[in-house]
């Protein structure tokens, strides 16, 4: 937006609601439609002379599971204390009772052996894949429960929204339907000939 001030700002950005959900500068971007994420990939790819895209479902799985084939981003075992495992509903219910769940700063719940942060919790992440008419998301959000934390878990959205069955017309999807949706990028560098 800084480089192209005429570009439309995603609906909901700059509002009190989004300010409360993303209070820190290093929180993930939320409320993003998959089309906006894909447009950002094309823009950034052209700027950096690289191929940048949303990860495929297989790429997301490989990154999350690592060489060990983890079941959770932290390892093979379910968390002993779900409230300290990741940014999900158990954390907010036990550690911060009375507060509304929201995103947390990047890395607040540790990293994988491959130095990837927040693969589970914080936001559901768009992937580049569709399952029939729905787009697949991975990773669980700040409102997710422990059942969503298995890396094999995925959810789908229909034509624009996240976790809920939404209208078929993407233009009718409200920004609050997307507030748990964000994205992660995959980058492949081009070599000069």
N, C-alpha and C. Protein backbone atom coordinates (compact mmCIF):
# COMPACT_ATOMS: atom_id res chain seq x y z
N UNK A 1 0.81 -1.19 0.00
CA UNK A 1 0.00 0.00 0.00
C UNK A 1 0.86 1.26 0.00
N UNK A 2 2.04 1.19 0.63
CA UNK A 2 2.90 2.36 0.64
C UNK A 2 3.40 2.69 -0.75
N UNK A 3 3.71 1.65 -1.57
CA UNK A 3 4.21 1.89 -2.91
C UNK A 3 3.11 2.25 -3.89
N UNK A 4 1.89 1.84 -3.60
CA UNK A 4 0.77 2.15 -4.47
C UNK A 4 -0.39 2.65 -3.61
N UNK A 5 -0.36 3.93 -3.25
CA UNK A 5 -1.40 4.45 -2.35
C UNK A 5 -2.79 4.40 -2.93
N UNK A 6 -2.91 4.25 -4.26
CA UNK A 6 -4.23 4.18 -4.89
C UNK A 6 -4.81 2.77 -4.82
N UNK A 7 -4.00 1.80 -4.42
CA UNK A 7 -4.50 0.42 -4.30
C UNK A 7 -5.57 0.38 -3.21
N UNK A 8 -6.63 -0.37 -3.45
CA UNK A 8 -7.68 -0.43 -2.41
C UNK A 8 -7.16 -1.15 -1.17
N UNK A 9 -7.43 -0.57 -0.04
CA UNK A 9 -7.07 -1.17 1.25
C UNK A 9 -8.03 -2.31 1.52
N UNK A 10 -7.55 -3.47 1.97
CA UNK A 10 -8.48 -4.55 2.28
C UNK A 10 -9.55 -4.09 3.28
N UNK A 11 -10.77 -4.51 3.03
CA UNK A 11 -11.89 -4.12 3.87
C UNK A 11 -11.61 -4.47 5.33
N UNK A 12 -11.88 -3.55 6.22
CA UNK A 12 -11.71 -3.81 7.64
C UNK A 12 -10.38 -3.35 8.20
N UNK A 13 -9.35 -3.17 7.37
CA UNK A 13 -8.05 -2.73 7.88
C UNK A 13 -8.16 -1.33 8.42
N UNK A 14 -7.49 -1.09 9.51
CA UNK A 14 -7.50 0.23 10.11
C UNK A 14 -8.70 0.47 11.02
N UNK A 15 -9.57 -0.50 11.15
CA UNK A 15 -10.74 -0.34 12.02
C UNK A 15 -10.37 -0.75 13.44
N UNK A 16 -11.19 -0.36 14.39
CA UNK A 16 -10.96 -0.74 15.78
C UNK A 16 -10.92 -2.25 15.94
N UNK A 17 -11.82 -2.95 15.23
CA UNK A 17 -11.88 -4.41 15.35
C UNK A 17 -10.55 -5.06 14.96
N UNK A 18 -9.99 -4.68 13.82
CA UNK A 18 -8.73 -5.27 13.40
C UNK A 18 -7.57 -4.80 14.28
N UNK A 19 -7.65 -3.59 14.79
CA UNK A 19 -6.62 -3.11 15.70
C UNK A 19 -6.57 -3.94 16.98
N UNK A 20 -7.71 -4.41 17.44
CA UNK A 20 -7.76 -5.25 18.64
C UNK A 20 -7.29 -6.67 18.34
N UNK A 21 -7.54 -7.14 17.12
CA UNK A 21 -7.13 -8.50 16.76
C UNK A 21 -5.65 -8.58 16.41
N UNK A 22 -5.07 -7.49 15.98
CA UNK A 22 -3.65 -7.42 15.60
C UNK A 22 -2.99 -6.23 16.29
N UNK A 23 -2.79 -6.29 17.59
CA UNK A 23 -2.30 -5.12 18.31
C UNK A 23 -0.81 -4.86 18.16
N UNK A 24 -0.04 -5.82 17.69
CA UNK A 24 1.41 -5.67 17.58
C UNK A 24 1.81 -5.49 16.12
N UNK A 25 2.95 -4.87 15.87
CA UNK A 25 3.43 -4.69 14.51
C UNK A 25 3.83 -6.00 13.85
N UNK A 26 4.21 -7.00 14.64
CA UNK A 26 4.67 -8.26 14.05
C UNK A 26 3.63 -9.37 14.15
N UNK A 27 2.36 -9.01 14.26
CA UNK A 27 1.28 -9.99 14.19
C UNK A 27 1.03 -10.33 12.72
N UNK A 28 0.43 -11.48 12.46
CA UNK A 28 0.15 -11.82 11.06
C UNK A 28 -0.94 -10.91 10.48
N UNK A 29 -0.88 -10.74 9.19
CA UNK A 29 -1.93 -10.01 8.49
C UNK A 29 -3.17 -10.89 8.49
N UNK A 30 -4.32 -10.30 8.78
CA UNK A 30 -5.57 -11.06 8.79
C UNK A 30 -6.60 -10.35 7.94
N UNK A 31 -7.71 -11.03 7.70
CA UNK A 31 -8.80 -10.43 6.94
C UNK A 31 -8.51 -10.34 5.46
N UNK A 32 -7.64 -11.20 4.96
CA UNK A 32 -7.20 -11.13 3.58
C UNK A 32 -7.94 -12.18 2.75
N UNK A 33 -8.54 -11.74 1.66
CA UNK A 33 -9.16 -12.68 0.72
C UNK A 33 -8.05 -13.42 -0.02
N UNK A 34 -8.33 -14.63 -0.45
CA UNK A 34 -7.32 -15.41 -1.16
C UNK A 34 -6.87 -14.69 -2.42
N UNK A 35 -7.77 -13.97 -3.08
CA UNK A 35 -7.40 -13.23 -4.28
C UNK A 35 -6.38 -12.14 -3.96
N UNK A 36 -6.56 -11.47 -2.81
CA UNK A 36 -5.61 -10.44 -2.40
C UNK A 36 -4.24 -11.05 -2.10
N UNK A 37 -4.23 -12.22 -1.46
CA UNK A 37 -2.97 -12.91 -1.16
C UNK A 37 -2.26 -13.30 -2.46
N UNK A 38 -3.01 -13.81 -3.43
CA UNK A 38 -2.41 -14.19 -4.71
C UNK A 38 -1.90 -12.97 -5.47
N UNK A 39 -2.62 -11.87 -5.42
CA UNK A 39 -2.15 -10.62 -6.06
C UNK A 39 -0.88 -10.13 -5.40
N UNK A 40 -0.81 -10.23 -4.07
CA UNK A 40 0.40 -9.84 -3.36
C UNK A 40 1.58 -10.72 -3.79
N UNK A 41 1.37 -12.01 -3.96
CA UNK A 41 2.43 -12.91 -4.42
C UNK A 41 2.97 -12.46 -5.78
N UNK A 42 2.08 -12.13 -6.71
CA UNK A 42 2.51 -11.69 -8.05
C UNK A 42 3.29 -10.37 -7.95
N UNK A 43 2.78 -9.43 -7.16
CA UNK A 43 3.46 -8.15 -7.02
C UNK A 43 4.85 -8.32 -6.41
N UNK A 44 4.93 -9.06 -5.30
CA UNK A 44 6.22 -9.25 -4.63
C UNK A 44 7.18 -10.04 -5.51
N UNK A 45 6.68 -11.04 -6.24
CA UNK A 45 7.53 -11.81 -7.14
C UNK A 45 8.16 -10.95 -8.22
N UNK A 46 7.37 -10.05 -8.81
CA UNK A 46 7.91 -9.15 -9.83
C UNK A 46 8.94 -8.20 -9.22
N UNK A 47 8.67 -7.73 -8.03
CA UNK A 47 9.57 -6.79 -7.36
C UNK A 47 10.91 -7.46 -7.00
N UNK A 48 10.86 -8.72 -6.58
CA UNK A 48 12.07 -9.41 -6.13
C UNK A 48 12.68 -10.34 -7.18
N UNK A 49 12.09 -10.38 -8.37
CA UNK A 49 12.55 -11.28 -9.44
C UNK A 49 12.60 -12.72 -8.93
N UNK A 50 11.50 -13.15 -8.35
CA UNK A 50 11.39 -14.50 -7.81
C UNK A 50 9.98 -15.01 -8.05
N UNK A 51 9.84 -16.31 -8.02
CA UNK A 51 8.50 -16.90 -8.09
C UNK A 51 7.99 -17.03 -6.67
N UNK A 52 6.91 -16.33 -6.38
CA UNK A 52 6.34 -16.33 -5.03
C UNK A 52 4.88 -16.73 -5.16
N UNK A 53 4.48 -17.66 -4.31
CA UNK A 53 3.11 -18.15 -4.38
C UNK A 53 2.66 -18.63 -3.02
N UNK A 54 1.36 -18.89 -2.90
CA UNK A 54 0.85 -19.56 -1.72
C UNK A 54 1.33 -21.00 -1.78
N UNK A 55 1.63 -21.62 -0.65
CA UNK A 55 2.10 -23.01 -0.71
C UNK A 55 0.99 -23.96 -1.15
N UNK A 56 1.39 -24.99 -1.86
CA UNK A 56 0.43 -26.07 -2.15
C UNK A 56 0.15 -26.78 -0.82
N UNK A 57 -0.85 -27.61 -0.81
CA UNK A 57 -1.15 -28.37 0.39
C UNK A 57 0.04 -29.26 0.76
N UNK A 58 0.67 -29.87 -0.24
CA UNK A 58 1.83 -30.74 0.00
C UNK A 58 3.02 -29.93 0.54
N UNK A 59 3.25 -28.74 0.01
CA UNK A 59 4.35 -27.91 0.49
C UNK A 59 4.12 -27.49 1.94
N UNK A 60 2.89 -27.11 2.26
CA UNK A 60 2.59 -26.73 3.64
C UNK A 60 2.82 -27.91 4.57
N UNK A 61 2.33 -29.09 4.17
CA UNK A 61 2.51 -30.30 4.99
C UNK A 61 3.98 -30.61 5.20
N UNK A 62 4.77 -30.54 4.14
CA UNK A 62 6.20 -30.86 4.23
C UNK A 62 6.90 -29.90 5.19
N UNK A 63 6.59 -28.62 5.06
CA UNK A 63 7.21 -27.63 5.95
C UNK A 63 6.80 -27.88 7.40
N UNK A 64 5.55 -28.18 7.62
CA UNK A 64 5.05 -28.37 8.99
C UNK A 64 5.55 -29.65 9.62
N UNK A 65 5.57 -30.72 8.86
CA UNK A 65 5.98 -32.02 9.41
C UNK A 65 7.49 -32.18 9.52
N UNK A 66 8.24 -31.48 8.68
CA UNK A 66 9.69 -31.58 8.73
C UNK A 66 10.19 -32.96 8.36
N UNK A 67 11.46 -33.21 8.58
CA UNK A 67 12.07 -34.50 8.25
C UNK A 67 11.57 -35.63 9.14
N UNK A 68 11.16 -35.26 10.37
CA UNK A 68 10.72 -36.28 11.33
C UNK A 68 9.30 -36.77 11.09
N UNK A 69 8.55 -36.10 10.25
CA UNK A 69 7.15 -36.47 10.06
C UNK A 69 6.29 -36.17 11.27
N UNK A 70 6.49 -34.99 11.84
CA UNK A 70 5.77 -34.60 13.06
C UNK A 70 4.26 -34.66 12.87
N UNK A 71 3.56 -34.94 13.95
CA UNK A 71 2.09 -34.88 13.95
C UNK A 71 1.61 -33.49 14.35
N UNK A 72 2.41 -32.82 15.18
CA UNK A 72 2.17 -31.45 15.60
C UNK A 72 3.41 -30.65 15.23
N UNK A 73 3.32 -29.35 15.12
CA UNK A 73 4.50 -28.62 14.69
C UNK A 73 5.65 -28.71 15.68
N UNK A 74 5.36 -29.08 16.94
CA UNK A 74 6.40 -29.20 17.95
C UNK A 74 6.91 -30.62 18.10
N UNK A 75 6.25 -31.63 17.52
CA UNK A 75 6.72 -33.01 17.65
C UNK A 75 5.63 -34.03 17.42
N UNK A 76 5.83 -35.22 17.97
CA UNK A 76 4.90 -36.34 17.74
C UNK A 76 3.78 -36.43 18.78
N UNK A 77 4.00 -35.86 19.95
CA UNK A 77 3.05 -36.03 21.05
C UNK A 77 2.09 -34.86 21.19
N UNK A 78 0.87 -35.18 21.58
CA UNK A 78 -0.11 -34.14 21.89
C UNK A 78 0.42 -33.31 23.06
N UNK A 79 0.06 -32.06 23.14
CA UNK A 79 0.59 -31.21 24.21
C UNK A 79 0.07 -31.65 25.58
N UNK A 80 0.97 -31.66 26.56
CA UNK A 80 0.55 -31.94 27.94
C UNK A 80 -0.30 -30.81 28.48
N UNK A 81 0.06 -29.60 28.12
CA UNK A 81 -0.68 -28.42 28.55
C UNK A 81 -1.11 -27.64 27.31
N UNK A 82 -2.32 -27.89 26.81
CA UNK A 82 -2.77 -27.20 25.60
C UNK A 82 -2.70 -25.68 25.71
N UNK A 83 -2.79 -25.14 26.90
CA UNK A 83 -2.78 -23.69 27.06
C UNK A 83 -1.42 -23.08 26.75
N UNK A 84 -0.36 -23.88 26.71
CA UNK A 84 0.96 -23.33 26.39
C UNK A 84 1.49 -23.82 25.05
N UNK A 85 0.71 -24.58 24.31
CA UNK A 85 1.18 -25.18 23.06
C UNK A 85 1.23 -24.20 21.90
N UNK A 86 0.20 -23.42 21.71
CA UNK A 86 0.14 -22.47 20.60
C UNK A 86 -0.95 -21.45 20.88
N UNK A 87 -1.05 -20.48 20.00
CA UNK A 87 -2.08 -19.45 20.17
C UNK A 87 -3.42 -19.99 19.71
N UNK A 88 -4.13 -20.60 20.62
CA UNK A 88 -5.45 -21.15 20.36
C UNK A 88 -6.36 -20.86 21.53
N UNK A 89 -7.57 -21.32 21.42
CA UNK A 89 -8.57 -21.03 22.45
C UNK A 89 -8.16 -21.48 23.86
N UNK A 90 -7.53 -22.67 24.04
CA UNK A 90 -7.11 -23.05 25.40
C UNK A 90 -6.16 -22.04 26.05
N UNK A 91 -5.28 -21.44 25.27
CA UNK A 91 -4.37 -20.42 25.80
C UNK A 91 -5.16 -19.26 26.37
N UNK A 92 -6.14 -18.77 25.62
CA UNK A 92 -6.91 -17.62 26.06
C UNK A 92 -7.81 -17.97 27.25
N UNK A 93 -8.34 -19.18 27.28
CA UNK A 93 -9.22 -19.56 28.38
C UNK A 93 -8.46 -19.74 29.68
N UNK A 94 -7.23 -20.26 29.61
CA UNK A 94 -6.47 -20.54 30.84
C UNK A 94 -5.52 -19.40 31.21
N UNK A 95 -4.75 -18.92 30.26
CA UNK A 95 -3.72 -17.93 30.56
C UNK A 95 -4.25 -16.50 30.60
N UNK A 96 -5.30 -16.20 29.83
CA UNK A 96 -5.81 -14.84 29.73
C UNK A 96 -7.32 -14.81 29.84
N UNK A 97 -7.88 -15.37 30.90
CA UNK A 97 -9.34 -15.42 31.02
C UNK A 97 -9.95 -14.02 31.00
N UNK A 98 -11.08 -13.93 30.35
CA UNK A 98 -11.77 -12.66 30.26
C UNK A 98 -11.36 -11.81 29.07
N UNK A 99 -10.22 -12.15 28.43
CA UNK A 99 -9.79 -11.41 27.24
C UNK A 99 -10.33 -12.11 26.00
N UNK A 100 -10.62 -11.34 24.98
CA UNK A 100 -11.04 -11.92 23.71
C UNK A 100 -9.82 -12.49 22.99
N UNK A 101 -9.94 -13.69 22.42
CA UNK A 101 -8.82 -14.24 21.65
C UNK A 101 -8.44 -13.32 20.50
N UNK A 102 -7.14 -13.31 20.16
CA UNK A 102 -6.62 -12.48 19.08
C UNK A 102 -5.27 -13.04 18.64
N UNK A 103 -4.69 -12.46 17.62
CA UNK A 103 -3.38 -12.91 17.16
C UNK A 103 -2.31 -12.51 18.19
N UNK A 104 -1.18 -13.18 18.12
CA UNK A 104 -0.05 -12.83 18.97
C UNK A 104 1.16 -12.54 18.08
N UNK A 105 2.18 -11.98 18.66
CA UNK A 105 3.40 -11.66 17.93
C UNK A 105 4.02 -12.91 17.33
N UNK A 106 4.66 -12.73 16.20
CA UNK A 106 5.31 -13.84 15.51
C UNK A 106 6.30 -14.51 16.45
N UNK A 107 6.24 -15.83 16.51
CA UNK A 107 7.19 -16.59 17.29
C UNK A 107 6.90 -16.69 18.77
N UNK A 108 5.79 -16.17 19.22
CA UNK A 108 5.47 -16.18 20.65
C UNK A 108 5.37 -17.60 21.21
N UNK A 109 5.13 -18.59 20.36
CA UNK A 109 4.98 -19.97 20.82
C UNK A 109 6.06 -20.87 20.23
N UNK A 110 7.21 -20.32 19.94
CA UNK A 110 8.33 -21.13 19.49
C UNK A 110 8.36 -21.36 17.99
N UNK A 111 9.25 -22.25 17.58
CA UNK A 111 9.49 -22.51 16.17
C UNK A 111 9.72 -24.00 15.95
N UNK A 112 9.68 -24.40 14.70
CA UNK A 112 10.00 -25.79 14.36
C UNK A 112 11.51 -25.94 14.28
N UNK A 113 11.98 -27.16 14.09
CA UNK A 113 13.41 -27.41 13.92
C UNK A 113 13.95 -26.71 12.67
N UNK A 114 13.05 -26.39 11.74
CA UNK A 114 13.44 -25.72 10.49
C UNK A 114 13.26 -24.20 10.58
N UNK A 115 13.04 -23.67 11.78
CA UNK A 115 12.91 -22.24 12.05
C UNK A 115 11.65 -21.62 11.42
N UNK A 116 10.57 -22.35 11.40
CA UNK A 116 9.29 -21.82 10.95
C UNK A 116 8.45 -21.51 12.17
N UNK A 117 7.81 -20.35 12.16
CA UNK A 117 7.01 -19.91 13.29
C UNK A 117 5.51 -20.08 13.02
N UNK A 118 4.76 -20.33 14.07
CA UNK A 118 3.31 -20.22 14.07
C UNK A 118 2.61 -21.04 12.99
N UNK A 119 3.07 -22.26 12.79
CA UNK A 119 2.38 -23.12 11.82
C UNK A 119 1.02 -23.55 12.33
N UNK A 120 0.88 -23.59 13.63
CA UNK A 120 -0.41 -23.91 14.24
C UNK A 120 -0.76 -22.75 15.15
N UNK A 121 -1.99 -22.29 15.07
CA UNK A 121 -2.43 -21.16 15.87
C UNK A 121 -2.19 -19.85 15.15
N UNK A 122 -2.65 -18.81 15.69
CA UNK A 122 -2.62 -17.46 15.14
C UNK A 122 -3.64 -17.31 14.02
N UNK A 123 -3.36 -17.81 12.81
CA UNK A 123 -4.34 -17.68 11.72
C UNK A 123 -4.38 -18.96 10.87
N UNK A 124 -5.56 -19.24 10.33
CA UNK A 124 -5.66 -20.24 9.27
C UNK A 124 -4.94 -19.66 8.07
N UNK A 125 -4.17 -20.49 7.36
CA UNK A 125 -3.37 -19.99 6.23
C UNK A 125 -3.91 -20.51 4.91
N UNK A 126 -4.08 -19.58 3.97
CA UNK A 126 -4.51 -19.97 2.63
C UNK A 126 -3.46 -20.87 1.99
N UNK A 127 -3.91 -21.86 1.25
CA UNK A 127 -3.00 -22.63 0.39
C UNK A 127 -3.40 -22.34 -1.05
N UNK A 128 -2.59 -22.80 -1.96
CA UNK A 128 -2.87 -22.58 -3.38
C UNK A 128 -3.76 -23.65 -3.97
N UNK A 129 -4.41 -24.46 -3.15
CA UNK A 129 -5.19 -25.58 -3.66
C UNK A 129 -6.66 -25.47 -3.35
N UNK A 130 -7.43 -26.04 -4.26
CA UNK A 130 -8.87 -26.10 -4.08
C UNK A 130 -9.29 -27.55 -3.95
N UNK A 131 -10.34 -27.78 -3.21
CA UNK A 131 -10.94 -29.10 -3.08
C UNK A 131 -12.38 -28.94 -3.55
N UNK A 132 -12.70 -29.43 -4.70
CA UNK A 132 -13.94 -29.18 -5.43
C UNK A 132 -14.13 -27.68 -5.56
N UNK A 133 -15.08 -27.06 -4.89
CA UNK A 133 -15.28 -25.61 -5.04
C UNK A 133 -14.70 -24.82 -3.87
N UNK A 134 -14.03 -25.47 -2.97
CA UNK A 134 -13.53 -24.78 -1.78
C UNK A 134 -12.02 -24.66 -1.80
N UNK A 135 -11.49 -23.59 -1.22
CA UNK A 135 -10.05 -23.37 -1.09
C UNK A 135 -9.61 -23.95 0.24
N UNK A 136 -8.48 -24.65 0.26
CA UNK A 136 -8.00 -25.28 1.49
C UNK A 136 -7.19 -24.31 2.33
N UNK A 137 -7.37 -24.44 3.65
CA UNK A 137 -6.60 -23.66 4.61
C UNK A 137 -5.93 -24.62 5.58
N UNK A 138 -4.79 -24.22 6.09
CA UNK A 138 -4.05 -25.02 7.07
C UNK A 138 -3.68 -24.17 8.26
N UNK A 139 -3.40 -24.82 9.38
CA UNK A 139 -2.74 -24.16 10.47
C UNK A 139 -3.52 -23.77 11.70
N UNK A 140 -4.81 -23.71 11.67
CA UNK A 140 -5.62 -23.35 12.84
C UNK A 140 -5.43 -21.88 13.22
N UNK A 141 -6.37 -21.35 13.97
CA UNK A 141 -6.32 -19.93 14.33
C UNK A 141 -6.36 -19.74 15.84
N UNK A 142 -6.40 -18.49 16.24
CA UNK A 142 -6.47 -18.15 17.66
C UNK A 142 -7.78 -18.60 18.30
N UNK A 143 -8.78 -18.96 17.51
CA UNK A 143 -10.04 -19.47 18.04
C UNK A 143 -10.11 -21.00 17.98
N UNK A 144 -9.06 -21.64 17.52
CA UNK A 144 -9.09 -23.09 17.34
C UNK A 144 -8.89 -23.84 18.64
N UNK A 145 -9.44 -25.05 18.68
CA UNK A 145 -9.25 -25.94 19.83
C UNK A 145 -8.20 -26.98 19.49
N UNK A 146 -7.82 -27.77 20.46
CA UNK A 146 -6.74 -28.75 20.29
C UNK A 146 -7.00 -29.73 19.15
N UNK A 147 -8.24 -30.02 18.83
CA UNK A 147 -8.53 -30.94 17.73
C UNK A 147 -8.02 -30.39 16.39
N UNK A 148 -7.92 -29.07 16.28
CA UNK A 148 -7.45 -28.46 15.03
C UNK A 148 -5.93 -28.43 14.92
N UNK A 149 -5.22 -28.83 15.96
CA UNK A 149 -3.77 -28.65 15.95
C UNK A 149 -3.00 -29.77 15.29
N UNK A 150 -3.63 -30.90 15.03
CA UNK A 150 -2.94 -31.96 14.28
C UNK A 150 -2.59 -31.43 12.91
N UNK A 151 -1.38 -31.71 12.43
CA UNK A 151 -0.96 -31.20 11.13
C UNK A 151 -1.76 -31.80 9.98
N UNK A 152 -2.41 -32.92 10.21
CA UNK A 152 -3.24 -33.52 9.17
C UNK A 152 -4.57 -32.79 9.02
N UNK A 153 -4.90 -31.94 9.98
CA UNK A 153 -6.18 -31.22 9.97
C UNK A 153 -6.15 -30.11 8.93
N UNK A 154 -7.21 -29.99 8.20
CA UNK A 154 -7.34 -28.87 7.28
C UNK A 154 -8.80 -28.46 7.26
N UNK A 155 -9.02 -27.27 6.81
CA UNK A 155 -10.38 -26.78 6.68
C UNK A 155 -10.53 -26.20 5.29
N UNK A 156 -11.72 -25.89 4.92
CA UNK A 156 -11.94 -25.35 3.59
C UNK A 156 -12.90 -24.18 3.67
N UNK A 157 -12.79 -23.30 2.72
CA UNK A 157 -13.72 -22.19 2.62
C UNK A 157 -14.38 -22.27 1.26
N UNK A 158 -15.59 -21.77 1.20
CA UNK A 158 -16.25 -21.70 -0.09
C UNK A 158 -16.23 -20.29 -0.60
N UNK A 159 -15.58 -20.11 -1.71
CA UNK A 159 -15.62 -18.85 -2.45
C UNK A 159 -15.41 -17.62 -1.59
N UNK A 160 -14.37 -17.56 -0.82
CA UNK A 160 -14.00 -16.31 -0.19
C UNK A 160 -13.86 -16.29 1.31
N UNK A 161 -14.46 -17.20 2.06
CA UNK A 161 -14.41 -17.09 3.50
C UNK A 161 -13.67 -18.22 4.15
N UNK A 162 -13.55 -18.17 5.42
CA UNK A 162 -12.73 -19.10 6.18
C UNK A 162 -13.54 -19.80 7.25
N UNK A 163 -13.51 -21.11 7.26
CA UNK A 163 -14.10 -21.96 8.29
C UNK A 163 -15.62 -22.02 8.28
N UNK A 164 -16.27 -21.15 7.62
CA UNK A 164 -17.72 -21.16 7.63
C UNK A 164 -18.22 -21.40 6.22
N UNK A 165 -19.43 -21.90 6.09
CA UNK A 165 -20.05 -21.99 4.78
C UNK A 165 -20.58 -20.61 4.46
N UNK A 166 -20.08 -20.04 3.40
CA UNK A 166 -20.39 -18.65 3.06
C UNK A 166 -21.14 -18.57 1.75
N UNK A 167 -21.67 -17.40 1.44
CA UNK A 167 -22.37 -17.23 0.17
C UNK A 167 -21.47 -17.56 -1.01
N UNK A 168 -22.07 -18.04 -2.10
CA UNK A 168 -21.30 -18.40 -3.29
C UNK A 168 -20.67 -17.19 -3.96
N UNK A 169 -21.22 -16.00 -3.75
CA UNK A 169 -20.71 -14.79 -4.37
C UNK A 169 -19.62 -14.19 -3.48
N UNK A 170 -18.33 -14.22 -3.92
CA UNK A 170 -17.25 -13.70 -3.08
C UNK A 170 -17.44 -12.23 -2.69
N UNK A 171 -18.11 -11.47 -3.53
CA UNK A 171 -18.31 -10.05 -3.22
C UNK A 171 -19.20 -9.85 -2.00
N UNK A 172 -19.99 -10.85 -1.65
CA UNK A 172 -20.90 -10.69 -0.51
C UNK A 172 -20.29 -11.16 0.81
N UNK A 173 -19.04 -11.63 0.78
CA UNK A 173 -18.37 -12.08 2.00
C UNK A 173 -17.94 -10.85 2.80
N UNK A 174 -18.29 -10.81 4.07
CA UNK A 174 -17.95 -9.69 4.94
C UNK A 174 -16.52 -9.84 5.46
N UNK A 175 -15.88 -8.74 5.77
CA UNK A 175 -14.50 -8.80 6.25
C UNK A 175 -14.40 -9.59 7.55
N UNK A 176 -15.42 -9.54 8.42
CA UNK A 176 -15.33 -10.30 9.67
C UNK A 176 -15.36 -11.80 9.43
N UNK A 177 -15.82 -12.24 8.25
CA UNK A 177 -15.77 -13.66 7.92
C UNK A 177 -14.35 -14.12 7.64
N UNK A 178 -13.46 -13.18 7.41
CA UNK A 178 -12.08 -13.49 7.05
C UNK A 178 -11.09 -13.20 8.18
N UNK A 179 -11.55 -12.79 9.34
CA UNK A 179 -10.63 -12.29 10.35
C UNK A 179 -9.70 -13.35 10.92
N UNK A 180 -9.97 -14.62 10.71
CA UNK A 180 -9.05 -15.67 11.16
C UNK A 180 -8.16 -16.17 10.02
N UNK A 181 -8.24 -15.55 8.85
CA UNK A 181 -7.50 -16.01 7.67
C UNK A 181 -6.30 -15.12 7.38
N UNK A 182 -5.17 -15.75 7.14
CA UNK A 182 -3.94 -15.07 6.75
C UNK A 182 -3.24 -15.90 5.70
N UNK A 183 -1.95 -15.70 5.53
CA UNK A 183 -1.23 -16.49 4.53
C UNK A 183 0.25 -16.54 4.83
N UNK A 184 0.91 -17.47 4.19
CA UNK A 184 2.35 -17.71 4.26
C UNK A 184 2.80 -17.84 2.81
N UNK A 185 4.04 -17.53 2.51
CA UNK A 185 4.51 -17.55 1.13
C UNK A 185 5.58 -18.61 0.91
N UNK A 186 5.67 -19.06 -0.34
CA UNK A 186 6.74 -19.94 -0.80
C UNK A 186 7.48 -19.16 -1.88
N UNK A 187 8.81 -19.17 -1.81
CA UNK A 187 9.61 -18.36 -2.73
C UNK A 187 10.64 -19.23 -3.43
N UNK A 188 10.72 -19.06 -4.75
CA UNK A 188 11.77 -19.71 -5.54
C UNK A 188 12.49 -18.63 -6.33
N UNK A 189 13.80 -18.56 -6.15
CA UNK A 189 14.60 -17.52 -6.80
C UNK A 189 14.84 -17.87 -8.26
N UNK A 190 14.88 -16.85 -9.12
CA UNK A 190 15.29 -17.03 -10.51
C UNK A 190 16.79 -16.81 -10.57
N UNK A 191 17.45 -17.58 -11.40
CA UNK A 191 18.89 -17.39 -11.59
C UNK A 191 19.12 -16.59 -12.85
N UNK A 192 20.09 -15.69 -12.78
CA UNK A 192 20.46 -14.94 -14.00
C UNK A 192 21.18 -15.88 -14.95
N UNK A 193 20.90 -15.72 -16.23
CA UNK A 193 21.53 -16.62 -17.24
C UNK A 193 22.96 -16.26 -17.46
